[in-house]
Amino acid sequence: MGKKKRSAPKKMAAKPKAKVEVTIKSKVLGEAPEEHHFVLSDGKRLKSLFELVDSLGKMGEDVFKAHVNKDKNDFSNWIKDVFKVPDLAKEISAINNQVGTEICLLRKLVDELKKEEKK
C-alpha cells in the first residue's frame, strides 16, 4: 500500500491587528513616531524632547555642532516639524550652544509638566 502524503495544515488568515490610537495631551511631553525619531550624527536615536535634553548634557561638542551651526539648527527643525511647537522651535533656533539649548528645553518641559499637573 502506498503511503498517503500528508499535506501541511492550512494556514488561517491572520487576523488584522487592532489599531490603537494614542492621543498625546501635550506634544512637548510626547514621543515622536518611530519614522520621525531624531538620529544624532553619532547614531543615537531620540524619540522625545526629554531624550534630547538628556542627550544634550552628555553629547560631545562635535555631535552638537553637526546639528547646530551657523547654517542650520536641526533640533529646532525637529521641534517645529515633528512636535509642532513653533514658539519653542523659534527660541531654540536663536541659541547656538549646548547649555543654552538644554536650559531652554528644560524650562519648556517644566512649564508643560506644571500645566499637566493642574489638569
PDB file of N, CA and C in Angstrom:
ATOM      1  N   MET A   1       0.834  -1.181   0.000  1.00  0.00           N
ATOM      2  CA  MET A   1       0.000   0.000   0.000  1.00  0.00           C
ATOM      3  C   MET A   1       0.873   1.236   0.000  1.00  0.00           C
ATOM      4  N   GLY A   2       0.430   2.169  -0.784  1.00  0.00           N
ATOM      5  CA  GLY A   2       1.180   3.414  -0.839  1.00  0.00           C
ATOM      6  C   GLY A   2       0.854   4.325   0.338  1.00  0.00           C
ATOM      7  N   LYS A   3       1.844   5.015   0.743  1.00  0.00           N
ATOM      8  CA  LYS A   3       1.625   5.956   1.845  1.00  0.00           C
ATOM      9  C   LYS A   3       0.976   7.213   1.306  1.00  0.00           C
ATOM     10  N   LYS A   4       0.028   7.716   2.071  1.00  0.00           N
ATOM     11  CA  LYS A   4      -0.613   8.973   1.678  1.00  0.00           C
ATOM     12  C   LYS A   4       0.273  10.124   2.141  1.00  0.00           C
ATOM     13  N   LYS A   5       0.420  11.053   1.265  1.00  0.00           N
ATOM     14  CA  LYS A   5       1.182  12.243   1.656  1.00  0.00           C
ATOM     15  C   LYS A   5       0.303  13.119   2.510  1.00  0.00           C
ATOM     16  N   ARG A   6       0.872  13.534   3.576  1.00  0.00           N
ATOM     17  CA  ARG A   6       0.124  14.462   4.427  1.00  0.00           C
ATOM     18  C   ARG A   6       0.378  15.874   3.939  1.00  0.00           C
ATOM     19  N   SER A   7      -0.673  16.587   3.801  1.00  0.00           N
ATOM     20  CA  SER A   7      -0.494  17.974   3.378  1.00  0.00           C
ATOM     21  C   SER A   7      -0.298  18.840   4.616  1.00  0.00           C
ATOM     22  N   ALA A   8       0.410  19.891   4.411  1.00  0.00           N
ATOM     23  CA  ALA A   8       0.659  20.815   5.525  1.00  0.00           C
ATOM     24  C   ALA A   8      -0.670  21.390   5.985  1.00  0.00           C
ATOM     25  N   PRO A   9      -0.791  21.615   7.274  1.00  0.00           N
ATOM     26  CA  PRO A   9      -2.047  22.197   7.755  1.00  0.00           C
ATOM     27  C   PRO A   9      -2.286  23.538   7.072  1.00  0.00           C
ATOM     28  N   LYS A  10      -3.531  23.787   6.790  1.00  0.00           N
ATOM     29  CA  LYS A  10      -3.877  25.048   6.138  1.00  0.00           C
ATOM     30  C   LYS A  10      -3.649  26.194   7.107  1.00  0.00           C
ATOM     31  N   LYS A  11      -3.025  27.201   6.572  1.00  0.00           N
ATOM     32  CA  LYS A  11      -2.785  28.384   7.401  1.00  0.00           C
ATOM     33  C   LYS A  11      -4.017  29.255   7.362  1.00  0.00           C
ATOM     34  N   MET A  12      -4.399  29.679   8.526  1.00  0.00           N
ATOM     35  CA  MET A  12      -5.553  30.572   8.594  1.00  0.00           C
ATOM     36  C   MET A  12      -5.061  31.991   8.359  1.00  0.00           C
ATOM     37  N   ALA A  13      -5.880  32.758   7.731  1.00  0.00           N
ATOM     38  CA  ALA A  13      -5.526  34.153   7.500  1.00  0.00           C
ATOM     39  C   ALA A  13      -5.341  34.845   8.841  1.00  0.00           C
ATOM     40  N   ALA A  14      -4.282  35.607   8.924  1.00  0.00           N
ATOM     41  CA  ALA A  14      -4.009  36.320  10.174  1.00  0.00           C
ATOM     42  C   ALA A  14      -5.088  37.364  10.410  1.00  0.00           C
ATOM     43  N   LYS A  15      -5.489  37.459  11.644  1.00  0.00           N
ATOM     44  CA  LYS A  15      -6.479  38.478  11.989  1.00  0.00           C
ATOM     45  C   LYS A  15      -5.803  39.841  11.887  1.00  0.00           C
ATOM     46  N   PRO A  16      -6.511  40.800  11.345  1.00  0.00           N
ATOM     47  CA  PRO A  16      -5.900  42.129  11.285  1.00  0.00           C
ATOM     48  C   PRO A  16      -5.655  42.634  12.704  1.00  0.00           C
ATOM     49  N   LYS A  17      -4.499  43.238  12.854  1.00  0.00           N
ATOM     50  CA  LYS A  17      -4.172  43.769  14.173  1.00  0.00           C
ATOM     51  C   LYS A  17      -5.051  44.972  14.465  1.00  0.00           C
ATOM     52  N   ALA A  18      -5.482  45.042  15.690  1.00  0.00           N
ATOM     53  CA  ALA A  18      -6.330  46.164  16.090  1.00  0.00           C
ATOM     54  C   ALA A  18      -5.507  47.442  16.055  1.00  0.00           C
ATOM     55  N   LYS A  19      -6.133  48.489  15.605  1.00  0.00           N
ATOM     56  CA  LYS A  19      -5.457  49.781  15.591  1.00  0.00           C
ATOM     57  C   LYS A  19      -5.638  50.430  16.944  1.00  0.00           C
ATOM     58  N   VAL A  20      -4.565  51.006  17.411  1.00  0.00           N
ATOM     59  CA  VAL A  20      -4.611  51.697  18.690  1.00  0.00           C
ATOM     60  C   VAL A  20      -4.290  53.154  18.423  1.00  0.00           C
ATOM     61  N   GLU A  21      -5.181  54.011  18.840  1.00  0.00           N
ATOM     62  CA  GLU A  21      -4.929  55.432  18.683  1.00  0.00           C
ATOM     63  C   GLU A  21      -4.493  56.000  20.015  1.00  0.00           C
ATOM     64  N   VAL A  22      -3.406  56.741  19.971  1.00  0.00           N
ATOM     65  CA  VAL A  22      -2.886  57.352  21.186  1.00  0.00           C
ATOM     66  C   VAL A  22      -2.967  58.856  21.016  1.00  0.00           C
ATOM     67  N   THR A  23      -3.571  59.498  21.957  1.00  0.00           N
ATOM     68  CA  THR A  23      -3.654  60.948  21.921  1.00  0.00           C
ATOM     69  C   THR A  23      -2.682  61.499  22.944  1.00  0.00           C
ATOM     70  N   ILE A  24      -1.807  62.325  22.486  1.00  0.00           N
ATOM     71  CA  ILE A  24      -0.847  62.944  23.388  1.00  0.00           C
ATOM     72  C   ILE A  24      -1.443  64.263  23.834  1.00  0.00           C
ATOM     73  N   LYS A  25      -1.571  64.425  25.136  1.00  0.00           N
ATOM     74  CA  LYS A  25      -2.157  65.654  25.657  1.00  0.00           C
ATOM     75  C   LYS A  25      -1.279  66.847  25.316  1.00  0.00           C
ATOM     76  N   SER A  26       0.000  66.691  25.471  1.00  0.00           N
ATOM     77  CA  SER A  26       0.930  67.766  25.178  1.00  0.00           C
ATOM     78  C   SER A  26       1.973  67.234  24.214  1.00  0.00           C
ATOM     79  N   LYS A  27       2.079  67.865  23.057  1.00  0.00           N
ATOM     80  CA  LYS A  27       3.058  67.403  22.078  1.00  0.00           C
ATOM     81  C   LYS A  27       4.474  67.534  22.622  1.00  0.00           C
ATOM     82  N   VAL A  28       4.690  68.515  23.469  1.00  0.00           N
ATOM     83  CA  VAL A  28       6.015  68.727  24.040  1.00  0.00           C
ATOM     84  C   VAL A  28       6.419  67.538  24.903  1.00  0.00           C
ATOM     85  N   LEU A  29       5.463  66.950  25.601  1.00  0.00           N
ATOM     86  CA  LEU A  29       5.758  65.846  26.510  1.00  0.00           C
ATOM     87  C   LEU A  29       5.682  64.481  25.832  1.00  0.00           C
ATOM     88  N   GLY A  30       5.232  64.444  24.593  1.00  0.00           N
ATOM     89  CA  GLY A  30       5.019  63.174  23.910  1.00  0.00           C
ATOM     90  C   GLY A  30       6.257  62.636  23.216  1.00  0.00           C
ATOM     91  N   GLU A  31       6.060  61.505  22.545  1.00  0.00           N
ATOM     92  CA  GLU A  31       7.124  60.861  21.784  1.00  0.00           C
ATOM     93  C   GLU A  31       6.809  60.951  20.300  1.00  0.00           C
ATOM     94  N   ALA A  32       7.840  61.123  19.521  1.00  0.00           N
ATOM     95  CA  ALA A  32       7.686  61.154  18.072  1.00  0.00           C
ATOM     96  C   ALA A  32       7.452  59.737  17.560  1.00  0.00           C
ATOM     97  N   PRO A  33       6.659  59.596  16.491  1.00  0.00           N
ATOM     98  CA  PRO A  33       6.510  58.271  15.882  1.00  0.00           C
ATOM     99  C   PRO A  33       7.891  57.778  15.421  1.00  0.00           C
ATOM    100  N   GLU A  34       8.056  56.481  15.347  1.00  0.00           N
ATOM    101  CA  GLU A  34       9.371  55.909  15.029  1.00  0.00           C
ATOM    102  C   GLU A  34       9.992  56.495  13.760  1.00  0.00           C
ATOM    103  N   GLU A  35       9.165  56.727  12.751  1.00  0.00           N
ATOM    104  CA  GLU A  35       9.709  57.254  11.494  1.00  0.00           C
ATOM    105  C   GLU A  35      10.184  58.703  11.619  1.00  0.00           C
ATOM    106  N   HIS A  36       9.869  59.348  12.748  1.00  0.00           N
ATOM    107  CA  HIS A  36      10.305  60.727  12.968  1.00  0.00           C
ATOM    108  C   HIS A  36      11.255  60.861  14.150  1.00  0.00           C
ATOM    109  N   HIS A  37      11.836  59.738  14.584  1.00  0.00           N
ATOM    110  CA  HIS A  37      12.854  59.828  15.626  1.00  0.00           C
ATOM    111  C   HIS A  37      14.030  60.623  15.070  1.00  0.00           C
ATOM    112  N   PHE A  38      14.724  61.312  15.941  1.00  0.00           N
ATOM    113  CA  PHE A  38      15.883  62.103  15.538  1.00  0.00           C
ATOM    114  C   PHE A  38      17.114  61.218  15.681  1.00  0.00           C
ATOM    115  N   VAL A  39      17.895  61.110  14.630  1.00  0.00           N
ATOM    116  CA  VAL A  39      19.117  60.307  14.683  1.00  0.00           C
ATOM    117  C   VAL A  39      20.303  61.265  14.721  1.00  0.00           C
ATOM    118  N   LEU A  40      21.008  61.230  15.847  1.00  0.00           N
ATOM    119  CA  LEU A  40      22.183  62.081  16.011  1.00  0.00           C
ATOM    120  C   LEU A  40      23.307  61.617  15.089  1.00  0.00           C
ATOM    121  N   SER A  41      24.271  62.488  14.856  1.00  0.00           N
ATOM    122  CA  SER A  41      25.384  62.145  13.970  1.00  0.00           C
ATOM    123  C   SER A  41      26.207  60.972  14.499  1.00  0.00           C
ATOM    124  N   ASP A  42      26.104  60.675  15.798  1.00  0.00           N
ATOM    125  CA  ASP A  42      26.819  59.520  16.359  1.00  0.00           C
ATOM    126  C   ASP A  42      25.972  58.248  16.317  1.00  0.00           C
ATOM    127  N   GLY A  43      24.761  58.340  15.734  1.00  0.00           N
ATOM    128  CA  GLY A  43      23.899  57.177  15.566  1.00  0.00           C
ATOM    129  C   GLY A  43      22.837  56.991  16.637  1.00  0.00           C
ATOM    130  N   LYS A  44      22.921  57.739  17.723  1.00  0.00           N
ATOM    131  CA  LYS A  44      21.932  57.595  18.798  1.00  0.00           C
ATOM    132  C   LYS A  44      20.585  58.132  18.317  1.00  0.00           C
ATOM    133  N   ARG A  45      19.500  57.388  18.639  1.00  0.00           N
ATOM    134  CA  ARG A  45      18.139  57.781  18.250  1.00  0.00           C
ATOM    135  C   ARG A  45      17.436  58.455  19.421  1.00  0.00           C
ATOM    136  N   LEU A  46      16.748  59.547  19.128  1.00  0.00           N
ATOM    137  CA  LEU A  46      15.969  60.266  20.132  1.00  0.00           C
ATOM    138  C   LEU A  46      14.512  60.240  19.715  1.00  0.00           C
ATOM    139  N   LYS A  47      13.629  59.979  20.694  1.00  0.00           N
ATOM    140  CA  LYS A  47      12.208  59.929  20.354  1.00  0.00           C
ATOM    141  C   LYS A  47      11.390  60.990  21.067  1.00  0.00           C
ATOM    142  N   SER A  48      12.015  61.735  21.972  1.00  0.00           N
ATOM    143  CA  SER A  48      11.264  62.747  22.718  1.00  0.00           C
ATOM    144  C   SER A  48      12.168  63.914  23.083  1.00  0.00           C
ATOM    145  N   LEU A  49      11.528  64.998  23.502  1.00  0.00           N
ATOM    146  CA  LEU A  49      12.302  66.151  23.948  1.00  0.00           C
ATOM    147  C   LEU A  49      13.010  65.848  25.266  1.00  0.00           C
ATOM    148  N   PHE A  50      12.432  64.952  26.069  1.00  0.00           N
ATOM    149  CA  PHE A  50      13.119  64.517  27.291  1.00  0.00           C
ATOM    150  C   PHE A  50      14.457  63.868  26.929  1.00  0.00           C
ATOM    151  N   GLU A  51      14.437  63.013  25.917  1.00  0.00           N
ATOM    152  CA  GLU A  51      15.667  62.347  25.494  1.00  0.00           C
ATOM    153  C   GLU A  51      16.653  63.339  24.895  1.00  0.00           C
ATOM    154  N   LEU A  52      16.151  64.350  24.195  1.00  0.00           N
ATOM    155  CA  LEU A  52      17.030  65.377  23.648  1.00  0.00           C
ATOM    156  C   LEU A  52      17.729  66.126  24.773  1.00  0.00           C
ATOM    157  N   VAL A  53      16.975  66.544  25.787  1.00  0.00           N
ATOM    158  CA  VAL A  53      17.573  67.258  26.926  1.00  0.00           C
ATOM    159  C   VAL A  53      18.636  66.388  27.589  1.00  0.00           C
ATOM    160  N   ASP A  54      18.306  65.137  27.818  1.00  0.00           N
ATOM    161  CA  ASP A  54      19.243  64.218  28.460  1.00  0.00           C
ATOM    162  C   ASP A  54      20.513  64.066  27.622  1.00  0.00           C
ATOM    163  N   SER A  55      20.350  63.954  26.322  1.00  0.00           N
ATOM    164  CA  SER A  55      21.496  63.776  25.428  1.00  0.00           C
ATOM    165  C   SER A  55      22.350  65.031  25.321  1.00  0.00           C
ATOM    166  N   LEU A  56      21.718  66.194  25.387  1.00  0.00           N
ATOM    167  CA  LEU A  56      22.477  67.443  25.290  1.00  0.00           C
ATOM    168  C   LEU A  56      23.540  67.537  26.381  1.00  0.00           C
ATOM    169  N   GLY A  57      23.204  67.049  27.570  1.00  0.00           N
ATOM    170  CA  GLY A  57      24.156  67.098  28.677  1.00  0.00           C
ATOM    171  C   GLY A  57      25.303  66.118  28.538  1.00  0.00           C
ATOM    172  N   LYS A  58      25.154  65.156  27.643  1.00  0.00           N
ATOM    173  CA  LYS A  58      26.155  64.094  27.507  1.00  0.00           C
ATOM    174  C   LYS A  58      26.901  64.102  26.176  1.00  0.00           C
ATOM    175  N   MET A  59      26.303  64.706  25.152  1.00  0.00           N
ATOM    176  CA  MET A  59      26.897  64.610  23.813  1.00  0.00           C
ATOM    177  C   MET A  59      28.149  65.464  23.687  1.00  0.00           C
ATOM    178  N   GLY A  60      29.026  65.004  22.825  1.00  0.00           N
ATOM    179  CA  GLY A  60      30.238  65.753  22.546  1.00  0.00           C
ATOM    180  C   GLY A  60      29.923  66.994  21.725  1.00  0.00           C
ATOM    181  N   GLU A  61      30.813  67.954  21.798  1.00  0.00           N
ATOM    182  CA  GLU A  61      30.607  69.204  21.061  1.00  0.00           C
ATOM    183  C   GLU A  61      30.545  68.949  19.557  1.00  0.00           C
ATOM    184  N   ASP A  62      31.302  67.965  19.080  1.00  0.00           N
ATOM    185  CA  ASP A  62      31.291  67.647  17.650  1.00  0.00           C
ATOM    186  C   ASP A  62      29.909  67.183  17.188  1.00  0.00           C
ATOM    187  N   VAL A  63      29.234  66.410  18.022  1.00  0.00           N
ATOM    188  CA  VAL A  63      27.880  65.943  17.683  1.00  0.00           C
ATOM    189  C   VAL A  63      26.928  67.135  17.683  1.00  0.00           C
ATOM    190  N   PHE A  64      27.007  67.981  18.702  1.00  0.00           N
ATOM    191  CA  PHE A  64      26.138  69.159  18.771  1.00  0.00           C
ATOM    192  C   PHE A  64      26.346  70.039  17.542  1.00  0.00           C
ATOM    193  N   LYS A  65      27.605  70.319  17.210  1.00  0.00           N
ATOM    194  CA  LYS A  65      27.910  71.210  16.083  1.00  0.00           C
ATOM    195  C   LYS A  65      27.510  70.604  14.737  1.00  0.00           C
ATOM    196  N   ALA A  66      27.404  69.291  14.670  1.00  0.00           N
ATOM    197  CA  ALA A  66      26.937  68.661  13.428  1.00  0.00           C
ATOM    198  C   ALA A  66      25.470  68.999  13.175  1.00  0.00           C
ATOM    199  N   HIS A  67      24.749  69.319  14.249  1.00  0.00           N
ATOM    200  CA  HIS A  67      23.315  69.603  14.132  1.00  0.00           C
ATOM    201  C   HIS A  67      22.965  71.075  14.331  1.00  0.00           C
ATOM    202  N   VAL A  68      23.833  71.802  15.001  1.00  0.00           N
ATOM    203  CA  VAL A  68      23.582  73.224  15.262  1.00  0.00           C
ATOM    204  C   VAL A  68      24.830  74.007  14.872  1.00  0.00           C
ATOM    205  N   ASN A  69      24.683  74.832  13.849  1.00  0.00           N
ATOM    206  CA  ASN A  69      25.789  75.687  13.413  1.00  0.00           C
ATOM    207  C   ASN A  69      25.206  76.922  12.733  1.00  0.00           C
ATOM    208  N   LYS A  70      26.059  77.734  12.146  1.00  0.00           N
ATOM    209  CA  LYS A  70      25.571  78.990  11.558  1.00  0.00           C
ATOM    210  C   LYS A  70      24.607  78.762  10.390  1.00  0.00           C
ATOM    211  N   ASP A  71      24.657  77.583   9.798  1.00  0.00           N
ATOM    212  CA  ASP A  71      23.808  77.290   8.640  1.00  0.00           C
ATOM    213  C   ASP A  71      22.493  76.598   8.973  1.00  0.00           C
ATOM    214  N   LYS A  72      22.417  75.956  10.142  1.00  0.00           N
ATOM    215  CA  LYS A  72      21.207  75.179  10.442  1.00  0.00           C
ATOM    216  C   LYS A  72      21.069  74.925  11.934  1.00  0.00           C
ATOM    217  N   ASN A  73      19.845  74.543  12.310  1.00  0.00           N
ATOM    218  CA  ASN A  73      19.592  74.065  13.668  1.00  0.00           C
ATOM    219  C   ASN A  73      18.602  72.907  13.532  1.00  0.00           C
ATOM    220  N   ASP A  74      19.153  71.713  13.446  1.00  0.00           N
ATOM    221  CA  ASP A  74      18.325  70.522  13.237  1.00  0.00           C
ATOM    222  C   ASP A  74      17.356  70.284  14.390  1.00  0.00           C
ATOM    223  N   PHE A  75      17.761  70.627  15.611  1.00  0.00           N
ATOM    224  CA  PHE A  75      16.881  70.418  16.765  1.00  0.00           C
ATOM    225  C   PHE A  75      15.652  71.319  16.659  1.00  0.00           C
ATOM    226  N   SER A  76      15.871  72.556  16.264  1.00  0.00           N
ATOM    227  CA  SER A  76      14.769  73.493  16.078  1.00  0.00           C
ATOM    228  C   SER A  76      13.802  72.978  15.007  1.00  0.00           C
ATOM    229  N   ASN A  77      14.348  72.492  13.908  1.00  0.00           N
ATOM    230  CA  ASN A  77      13.509  71.957  12.825  1.00  0.00           C
ATOM    231  C   ASN A  77      12.703  70.749  13.288  1.00  0.00           C
ATOM    232  N   TRP A  78      13.330  69.872  14.062  1.00  0.00           N
ATOM    233  CA  TRP A  78      12.642  68.678  14.577  1.00  0.00           C
ATOM    234  C   TRP A  78      11.489  69.086  15.485  1.00  0.00           C
ATOM    235  N   ILE A  79      11.738  70.060  16.342  1.00  0.00           N
ATOM    236  CA  ILE A  79      10.700  70.540  17.269  1.00  0.00           C
ATOM    237  C   ILE A  79       9.533  71.149  16.491  1.00  0.00           C
ATOM    238  N   LYS A  80       9.854  71.930  15.469  1.00  0.00           N
ATOM    239  CA  LYS A  80       8.810  72.589  14.669  1.00  0.00           C
ATOM    240  C   LYS A  80       8.042  71.583  13.810  1.00  0.00           C
ATOM    241  N   ASP A  81       8.759  70.721  13.109  1.00  0.00           N
ATOM    242  CA  ASP A  81       8.137  69.826  12.136  1.00  0.00           C
ATOM    243  C   ASP A  81       7.475  68.594  12.745  1.00  0.00           C
ATOM    244  N   VAL A  82       8.049  68.040  13.796  1.00  0.00           N
ATOM    245  CA  VAL A  82       7.528  66.800  14.377  1.00  0.00           C
ATOM    246  C   VAL A  82       6.625  67.068  15.573  1.00  0.00           C
ATOM    247  N   PHE A  83       7.073  67.932  16.474  1.00  0.00           N
ATOM    248  CA  PHE A  83       6.290  68.187  17.689  1.00  0.00           C
ATOM    249  C   PHE A  83       5.306  69.344  17.521  1.00  0.00           C
ATOM    250  N   LYS A  84       5.435  70.082  16.419  1.00  0.00           N
ATOM    251  CA  LYS A  84       4.508  71.178  16.090  1.00  0.00           C
ATOM    252  C   LYS A  84       4.444  72.227  17.203  1.00  0.00           C
ATOM    253  N   VAL A  85       5.634  72.652  17.640  1.00  0.00           N
ATOM    254  CA  VAL A  85       5.719  73.680  18.684  1.00  0.00           C
ATOM    255  C   VAL A  85       6.594  74.814  18.128  1.00  0.00           C
ATOM    256  N   PRO A  86       5.990  75.672  17.279  1.00  0.00           N
ATOM    257  CA  PRO A  86       6.783  76.700  16.605  1.00  0.00           C
ATOM    258  C   PRO A  86       7.423  77.728  17.535  1.00  0.00           C
ATOM    259  N   ASP A  87       6.757  78.061  18.643  1.00  0.00           N
ATOM    260  CA  ASP A  87       7.344  79.049  19.551  1.00  0.00           C
ATOM    261  C   ASP A  87       8.635  78.522  20.176  1.00  0.00           C
ATOM    262  N   LEU A  88       8.640  77.276  20.588  1.00  0.00           N
ATOM    263  CA  LEU A  88       9.849  76.674  21.150  1.00  0.00           C
ATOM    264  C   LEU A  88      10.919  76.527  20.069  1.00  0.00           C
ATOM    265  N   ALA A  89      10.514  76.140  18.881  1.00  0.00           N
ATOM    266  CA  ALA A  89      11.462  75.993  17.772  1.00  0.00           C
ATOM    267  C   ALA A  89      12.152  77.316  17.476  1.00  0.00           C
ATOM    268  N   LYS A  90      11.383  78.392  17.521  1.00  0.00           N
ATOM    269  CA  LYS A  90      11.959  79.717  17.257  1.00  0.00           C
ATOM    270  C   LYS A  90      12.970  80.088  18.341  1.00  0.00           C
ATOM    271  N   GLU A  91      12.629  79.826  19.595  1.00  0.00           N
ATOM    272  CA  GLU A  91      13.565  80.097  20.696  1.00  0.00           C
ATOM    273  C   GLU A  91      14.851  79.298  20.522  1.00  0.00           C
ATOM    274  N   ILE A  92      14.702  78.016  20.224  1.00  0.00           N
ATOM    275  CA  ILE A  92      15.860  77.131  20.075  1.00  0.00           C
ATOM    276  C   ILE A  92      16.728  77.561  18.895  1.00  0.00           C
ATOM    277  N   SER A  93      16.101  78.035  17.828  1.00  0.00           N
ATOM    278  CA  SER A  93      16.864  78.422  16.635  1.00  0.00           C
ATOM    279  C   SER A  93      17.789  79.608  16.895  1.00  0.00           C
ATOM    280  N   ALA A  94      17.465  80.402  17.900  1.00  0.00           N
ATOM    281  CA  ALA A  94      18.288  81.567  18.223  1.00  0.00           C
ATOM    282  C   ALA A  94      19.465  81.215  19.141  1.00  0.00           C
ATOM    283  N   ILE A  95      19.516  79.985  19.607  1.00  0.00           N
ATOM    284  CA  ILE A  95      20.564  79.558  20.541  1.00  0.00           C
ATOM    285  C   ILE A  95      21.560  78.686  19.789  1.00  0.00           C
ATOM    286  N   ASN A  96      22.847  78.977  19.970  1.00  0.00           N
ATOM    287  CA  ASN A  96      23.848  78.197  19.237  1.00  0.00           C
ATOM    288  C   ASN A  96      24.835  77.469  20.150  1.00  0.00           C
ATOM    289  N   ASN A  97      24.419  77.216  21.405  1.00  0.00           N
ATOM    290  CA  ASN A  97      25.300  76.456  22.293  1.00  0.00           C
ATOM    291  C   ASN A  97      24.503  75.398  23.048  1.00  0.00           C
ATOM    292  N   GLN A  98      25.206  74.377  23.505  1.00  0.00           N
ATOM    293  CA  GLN A  98      24.561  73.233  24.152  1.00  0.00           C
ATOM    294  C   GLN A  98      23.850  73.604  25.437  1.00  0.00           C
ATOM    295  N   VAL A  99      24.529  74.331  26.308  1.00  0.00           N
ATOM    296  CA  VAL A  99      23.945  74.652  27.612  1.00  0.00           C
ATOM    297  C   VAL A  99      22.695  75.509  27.442  1.00  0.00           C
ATOM    298  N   GLY A 100      22.754  76.505  26.581  1.00  0.00           N
ATOM    299  CA  GLY A 100      21.592  77.355  26.339  1.00  0.00           C
ATOM    300  C   GLY A 100      20.416  76.568  25.779  1.00  0.00           C
ATOM    301  N   THR A 101      20.702  75.656  24.866  1.00  0.00           N
ATOM    302  CA  THR A 101      19.655  74.809  24.287  1.00  0.00           C
ATOM    303  C   THR A 101      19.035  73.927  25.358  1.00  0.00           C
ATOM    304  N   GLU A 102      19.889  73.344  26.182  1.00  0.00           N
ATOM    305  CA  GLU A 102      19.413  72.470  27.258  1.00  0.00           C
ATOM    306  C   GLU A 102      18.533  73.241  28.244  1.00  0.00           C
ATOM    307  N   ILE A 103      18.961  74.431  28.638  1.00  0.00           N
ATOM    308  CA  ILE A 103      18.193  75.250  29.592  1.00  0.00           C
ATOM    309  C   ILE A 103      16.841  75.637  29.003  1.00  0.00           C
ATOM    310  N   CYS A 104      16.832  76.058  27.758  1.00  0.00           N
ATOM    311  CA  CYS A 104      15.581  76.452  27.100  1.00  0.00           C
ATOM    312  C   CYS A 104      14.596  75.282  27.059  1.00  0.00           C
ATOM    313  N   LEU A 105      15.080  74.115  26.688  1.00  0.00           N
ATOM    314  CA  LEU A 105      14.216  72.928  26.636  1.00  0.00           C
ATOM    315  C   LEU A 105      13.722  72.539  28.022  1.00  0.00           C
ATOM    316  N   LEU A 106      14.600  72.586  29.006  1.00  0.00           N
ATOM    317  CA  LEU A 106      14.199  72.238  30.378  1.00  0.00           C
ATOM    318  C   LEU A 106      13.096  73.165  30.879  1.00  0.00           C
ATOM    319  N   ARG A 107      13.235  74.456  30.608  1.00  0.00           N
ATOM    320  CA  ARG A 107      12.198  75.414  31.029  1.00  0.00           C
ATOM    321  C   ARG A 107      10.851  75.069  30.399  1.00  0.00           C
ATOM    322  N   LYS A 108      10.870  74.763  29.112  1.00  0.00           N
ATOM    323  CA  LYS A 108       9.631  74.428  28.408  1.00  0.00           C
ATOM    324  C   LYS A 108       9.026  73.144  28.967  1.00  0.00           C
ATOM    325  N   LEU A 109       9.850  72.149  29.226  1.00  0.00           N
ATOM    326  CA  LEU A 109       9.348  70.886  29.772  1.00  0.00           C
ATOM    327  C   LEU A 109       8.751  71.085  31.160  1.00  0.00           C
ATOM    328  N   VAL A 110       9.406  71.889  31.986  1.00  0.00           N
ATOM    329  CA  VAL A 110       8.879  72.171  33.330  1.00  0.00           C
ATOM    330  C   VAL A 110       7.537  72.891  33.225  1.00  0.00           C
ATOM    331  N   ASP A 111       7.445  73.879  32.341  1.00  0.00           N
ATOM    332  CA  ASP A 111       6.177  74.599  32.144  1.00  0.00           C
ATOM    333  C   ASP A 111       5.062  73.636  31.722  1.00  0.00           C
ATOM    334  N   GLU A 112       5.369  72.736  30.806  1.00  0.00           N
ATOM    335  CA  GLU A 112       4.366  71.774  30.332  1.00  0.00           C
ATOM    336  C   GLU A 112       3.954  70.808  31.433  1.00  0.00           C
ATOM    337  N   LEU A 113       4.906  70.375  32.231  1.00  0.00           N
ATOM    338  CA  LEU A 113       4.582  69.475  33.349  1.00  0.00           C
ATOM    339  C   LEU A 113       3.688  70.171  34.368  1.00  0.00           C
ATOM    340  N   LYS A 114       3.939  71.448  34.604  1.00  0.00           N
ATOM    341  CA  LYS A 114       3.087  72.216  35.528  1.00  0.00           C
ATOM    342  C   LYS A 114       1.664  72.304  34.989  1.00  0.00           C
ATOM    343  N   LYS A 115       1.530  72.545  33.686  1.00  0.00           N
ATOM    344  CA  LYS A 115       0.200  72.619  33.063  1.00  0.00           C
ATOM    345  C   LYS A 115      -0.530  71.289  33.206  1.00  0.00           C
ATOM    346  N   GLU A 116       0.171  70.194  32.963  1.00  0.00           N
ATOM    347  CA  GLU A 116      -0.434  68.865  33.065  1.00  0.00           C
ATOM    348  C   GLU A 116      -0.857  68.564  34.497  1.00  0.00           C
ATOM    349  N   GLU A 117      -0.079  69.032  35.441  1.00  0.00           N
ATOM    350  CA  GLU A 117      -0.375  68.791  36.857  1.00  0.00           C
ATOM    351  C   GLU A 117      -1.671  69.476  37.271  1.00  0.00           C
ATOM    352  N   LYS A 118      -1.940  70.643  36.692  1.00  0.00           N
ATOM    353  CA  LYS A 118      -3.140  71.413  37.043  1.00  0.00           C
ATOM    354  C   LYS A 118      -4.409  70.802  36.467  1.00  0.00           C
ATOM    355  N   LYS A 119      -4.280  69.957  35.459  1.00  0.00           N
ATOM    356  CA  LYS A 119      -5.466  69.379  34.799  1.00  0.00           C
ATOM    357  C   LYS A 119      -6.110  68.329  35.662  1.00  0.00           C
TER     358      LYS A 119
END
